[in-house]
Amino acid sequence: MALTIQYITDSRGRKKSAIVPIRKWEELNASNQQLNRKIELLTGTVAGVEEVKQVRPNGIPLQSLSDFLNESQHSGCRKF
């Protein structure tokens, strides 16, 4: 099945908007949400690695995994 896209153009014929079938829009939107969640996860991971790099040489104690998980459960974070 070919994807039919319609375009809305201005008075000079330049494309300004696109109309896509709702099913395709829902697929694109779901994919976009998944990618955003992956970006958030990766960004958080990079930030965590940077934090470890900064505190290690200074001897600053890090939060234990158990404490982190307990804190996450109490702050309303999703459980995995």
N, C-alpha and C. Protein backbone atom coordinates (compact mmCIF):
# COMPACT_ATOMS: atom_id res chain seq x y z
N MET A 1 0.85 -1.18 0.00
CA MET A 1 0.00 0.00 0.00
C MET A 1 0.90 1.24 0.00
N ALA A 2 0.71 2.08 -0.98
CA ALA A 2 1.51 3.30 -1.10
C ALA A 2 1.02 4.34 -0.09
N LEU A 3 1.97 5.05 0.46
CA LEU A 3 1.65 6.10 1.41
C LEU A 3 1.28 7.36 0.65
N THR A 4 0.08 7.86 0.89
CA THR A 4 -0.38 9.07 0.21
C THR A 4 -0.18 10.26 1.15
N ILE A 5 0.65 11.18 0.72
CA ILE A 5 0.89 12.39 1.49
C ILE A 5 0.39 13.57 0.67
N GLN A 6 -0.38 14.42 1.30
CA GLN A 6 -0.85 15.65 0.66
C GLN A 6 -0.11 16.82 1.28
N TYR A 7 0.17 17.82 0.46
CA TYR A 7 0.90 18.99 0.95
C TYR A 7 0.04 20.24 0.84
N ILE A 8 0.22 21.11 1.81
CA ILE A 8 -0.39 22.43 1.78
C ILE A 8 0.73 23.40 1.42
N THR A 9 0.48 24.20 0.40
CA THR A 9 1.52 25.12 -0.06
C THR A 9 1.06 26.56 0.11
N ASP A 10 2.06 27.46 0.12
CA ASP A 10 1.72 28.88 0.18
C ASP A 10 1.46 29.39 -1.23
N SER A 11 1.25 30.69 -1.36
CA SER A 11 0.91 31.29 -2.66
C SER A 11 2.04 31.14 -3.68
N ARG A 12 3.25 30.86 -3.23
CA ARG A 12 4.38 30.68 -4.15
C ARG A 12 4.64 29.21 -4.45
N GLY A 13 3.82 28.35 -3.90
CA GLY A 13 3.98 26.92 -4.17
C GLY A 13 4.95 26.21 -3.24
N ARG A 14 5.42 26.90 -2.20
CA ARG A 14 6.34 26.28 -1.24
C ARG A 14 5.55 25.45 -0.24
N LYS A 15 6.02 24.24 0.01
CA LYS A 15 5.34 23.35 0.96
C LYS A 15 5.41 23.94 2.36
N LYS A 16 4.27 24.00 3.02
CA LYS A 16 4.19 24.53 4.39
C LYS A 16 3.74 23.48 5.40
N SER A 17 2.95 22.52 4.97
CA SER A 17 2.43 21.48 5.85
C SER A 17 2.22 20.20 5.05
N ALA A 18 2.13 19.10 5.79
CA ALA A 18 1.86 17.82 5.15
C ALA A 18 0.69 17.15 5.85
N ILE A 19 -0.10 16.47 5.08
CA ILE A 19 -1.21 15.70 5.62
C ILE A 19 -0.90 14.23 5.35
N VAL A 20 -0.83 13.45 6.43
CA VAL A 20 -0.55 12.02 6.31
C VAL A 20 -1.73 11.25 6.89
N PRO A 21 -1.93 10.02 6.45
CA PRO A 21 -3.01 9.21 7.03
C PRO A 21 -2.80 9.06 8.54
N ILE A 22 -3.88 9.03 9.30
CA ILE A 22 -3.82 8.99 10.76
C ILE A 22 -3.05 7.78 11.25
N ARG A 23 -3.20 6.64 10.61
CA ARG A 23 -2.48 5.43 11.04
C ARG A 23 -0.97 5.65 10.95
N LYS A 24 -0.53 6.26 9.85
CA LYS A 24 0.89 6.54 9.68
C LYS A 24 1.34 7.56 10.71
N TRP A 25 0.53 8.59 10.97
CA TRP A 25 0.87 9.59 11.98
C TRP A 25 1.05 8.94 13.35
N GLU A 26 0.16 8.03 13.71
CA GLU A 26 0.25 7.35 15.00
C GLU A 26 1.53 6.51 15.08
N GLU A 27 1.90 5.85 13.98
CA GLU A 27 3.15 5.08 13.95
C GLU A 27 4.36 6.00 14.14
N LEU A 28 4.36 7.11 13.41
CA LEU A 28 5.47 8.06 13.51
C LEU A 28 5.56 8.65 14.91
N ASN A 29 4.43 8.97 15.49
CA ASN A 29 4.40 9.55 16.83
C ASN A 29 4.90 8.55 17.87
N ALA A 30 4.49 7.29 17.74
CA ALA A 30 4.95 6.25 18.68
C ALA A 30 6.46 6.05 18.55
N SER A 31 6.97 6.03 17.32
CA SER A 31 8.41 5.89 17.11
C SER A 31 9.16 7.07 17.71
N ASN A 32 8.63 8.25 17.54
CA ASN A 32 9.25 9.45 18.09
C ASN A 32 9.30 9.38 19.62
N GLN A 33 8.24 8.92 20.24
CA GLN A 33 8.22 8.80 21.70
C GLN A 33 9.25 7.78 22.18
N GLN A 34 9.38 6.66 21.47
CA GLN A 34 10.38 5.66 21.83
C GLN A 34 11.79 6.23 21.72
N LEU A 35 12.04 6.96 20.65
CA LEU A 35 13.36 7.57 20.47
C LEU A 35 13.66 8.59 21.57
N ASN A 36 12.66 9.36 21.94
CA ASN A 36 12.85 10.34 23.02
C ASN A 36 13.18 9.65 24.34
N ARG A 37 12.53 8.52 24.62
CA ARG A 37 12.83 7.78 25.85
C ARG A 37 14.26 7.24 25.81
N LYS A 38 14.70 6.76 24.65
CA LYS A 38 16.07 6.26 24.51
C LYS A 38 17.07 7.39 24.71
N ILE A 39 16.77 8.56 24.17
CA ILE A 39 17.65 9.72 24.34
C ILE A 39 17.76 10.09 25.81
N GLU A 40 16.63 10.10 26.52
CA GLU A 40 16.64 10.41 27.94
C GLU A 40 17.49 9.40 28.72
N LEU A 41 17.33 8.13 28.39
CA LEU A 41 18.10 7.08 29.07
C LEU A 41 19.59 7.24 28.80
N LEU A 42 19.95 7.45 27.55
CA LEU A 42 21.36 7.60 27.21
C LEU A 42 21.95 8.87 27.80
N THR A 43 21.20 9.94 27.79
CA THR A 43 21.67 11.19 28.39
C THR A 43 21.90 11.02 29.88
N GLY A 44 20.99 10.33 30.55
CA GLY A 44 21.15 10.06 31.97
C GLY A 44 22.36 9.17 32.25
N THR A 45 22.58 8.20 31.38
CA THR A 45 23.73 7.31 31.54
C THR A 45 25.03 8.09 31.39
N VAL A 46 25.10 8.94 30.37
CA VAL A 46 26.30 9.76 30.15
C VAL A 46 26.53 10.68 31.35
N ALA A 47 25.47 11.28 31.87
CA ALA A 47 25.60 12.16 33.03
C ALA A 47 26.10 11.38 34.24
N GLY A 48 25.61 10.16 34.42
CA GLY A 48 26.06 9.33 35.53
C GLY A 48 27.53 8.96 35.42
N VAL A 49 27.96 8.63 34.23
CA VAL A 49 29.36 8.29 34.01
C VAL A 49 30.24 9.51 34.29
N GLU A 50 29.81 10.67 33.84
CA GLU A 50 30.57 11.90 34.08
C GLU A 50 30.65 12.20 35.58
N GLU A 51 29.55 11.96 36.29
CA GLU A 51 29.55 12.19 37.74
C GLU A 51 30.55 11.28 38.43
N VAL A 52 30.58 10.02 38.02
CA VAL A 52 31.54 9.08 38.61
C VAL A 52 32.96 9.52 38.32
N LYS A 53 33.22 9.97 37.10
CA LYS A 53 34.56 10.45 36.74
C LYS A 53 34.99 11.62 37.60
N GLN A 54 34.04 12.48 37.95
CA GLN A 54 34.36 13.68 38.74
C GLN A 54 34.60 13.35 40.21
N VAL A 55 33.83 12.44 40.77
CA VAL A 55 33.95 12.20 42.21
C VAL A 55 35.02 11.19 42.57
N ARG A 56 35.35 10.29 41.68
CA ARG A 56 36.35 9.27 41.98
C ARG A 56 37.70 9.85 42.39
N PRO A 57 38.27 10.75 41.62
CA PRO A 57 39.59 11.27 42.00
C PRO A 57 39.57 12.06 43.31
N ASN A 58 38.42 12.60 43.67
CA ASN A 58 38.31 13.42 44.87
C ASN A 58 37.97 12.60 46.12
N GLY A 59 37.70 11.32 45.94
CA GLY A 59 37.38 10.47 47.08
C GLY A 59 36.00 10.71 47.66
N ILE A 60 35.12 11.36 46.91
CA ILE A 60 33.77 11.62 47.39
C ILE A 60 32.97 10.32 47.32
N PRO A 61 32.31 9.93 48.41
CA PRO A 61 31.55 8.67 48.39
C PRO A 61 30.35 8.77 47.45
N LEU A 62 30.10 7.70 46.73
CA LEU A 62 28.95 7.65 45.83
C LEU A 62 27.78 6.96 46.51
N GLN A 63 26.59 7.25 46.05
CA GLN A 63 25.38 6.62 46.55
C GLN A 63 25.39 5.16 46.11
N SER A 64 25.00 4.27 47.01
CA SER A 64 24.96 2.85 46.66
C SER A 64 23.77 2.59 45.74
N LEU A 65 23.84 1.48 45.01
CA LEU A 65 22.74 1.10 44.13
C LEU A 65 21.47 0.87 44.93
N SER A 66 21.58 0.25 46.08
CA SER A 66 20.39 0.01 46.92
C SER A 66 19.74 1.32 47.34
N ASP A 67 20.55 2.28 47.77
CA ASP A 67 20.00 3.58 48.15
C ASP A 67 19.34 4.27 46.96
N PHE A 68 19.99 4.19 45.81
CA PHE A 68 19.43 4.81 44.61
C PHE A 68 18.09 4.19 44.26
N LEU A 69 18.01 2.86 44.27
CA LEU A 69 16.77 2.19 43.93
C LEU A 69 15.67 2.51 44.93
N ASN A 70 16.02 2.56 46.21
CA ASN A 70 15.03 2.92 47.24
C ASN A 70 14.54 4.34 47.03
N GLU A 71 15.44 5.23 46.72
CA GLU A 71 15.07 6.62 46.46
C GLU A 71 14.16 6.72 45.25
N SER A 72 14.47 5.95 44.20
CA SER A 72 13.68 5.97 42.97
C SER A 72 12.27 5.47 43.22
N GLN A 73 12.13 4.43 44.03
CA GLN A 73 10.80 3.88 44.32
C GLN A 73 9.96 4.88 45.09
N HIS A 74 10.58 5.64 45.96
CA HIS A 74 9.82 6.59 46.79
C HIS A 74 9.53 7.90 46.07
N SER A 75 10.24 8.17 44.97
CA SER A 75 10.03 9.43 44.27
C SER A 75 9.03 9.29 43.12
N GLY A 76 8.41 8.13 42.99
CA GLY A 76 7.40 7.93 41.97
C GLY A 76 7.94 7.49 40.63
N CYS A 77 9.20 7.09 40.59
CA CYS A 77 9.78 6.61 39.33
C CYS A 77 9.19 5.25 38.99
N ARG A 78 9.19 4.98 37.71
CA ARG A 78 8.71 3.69 37.24
C ARG A 78 9.64 2.57 37.66
N LYS A 79 9.07 1.43 38.02
CA LYS A 79 9.86 0.25 38.33
C LYS A 79 10.13 -0.49 37.05
N PHE A 80 11.31 -1.08 36.94
CA PHE A 80 11.65 -1.84 35.74
C PHE A 80 11.55 -3.30 36.00
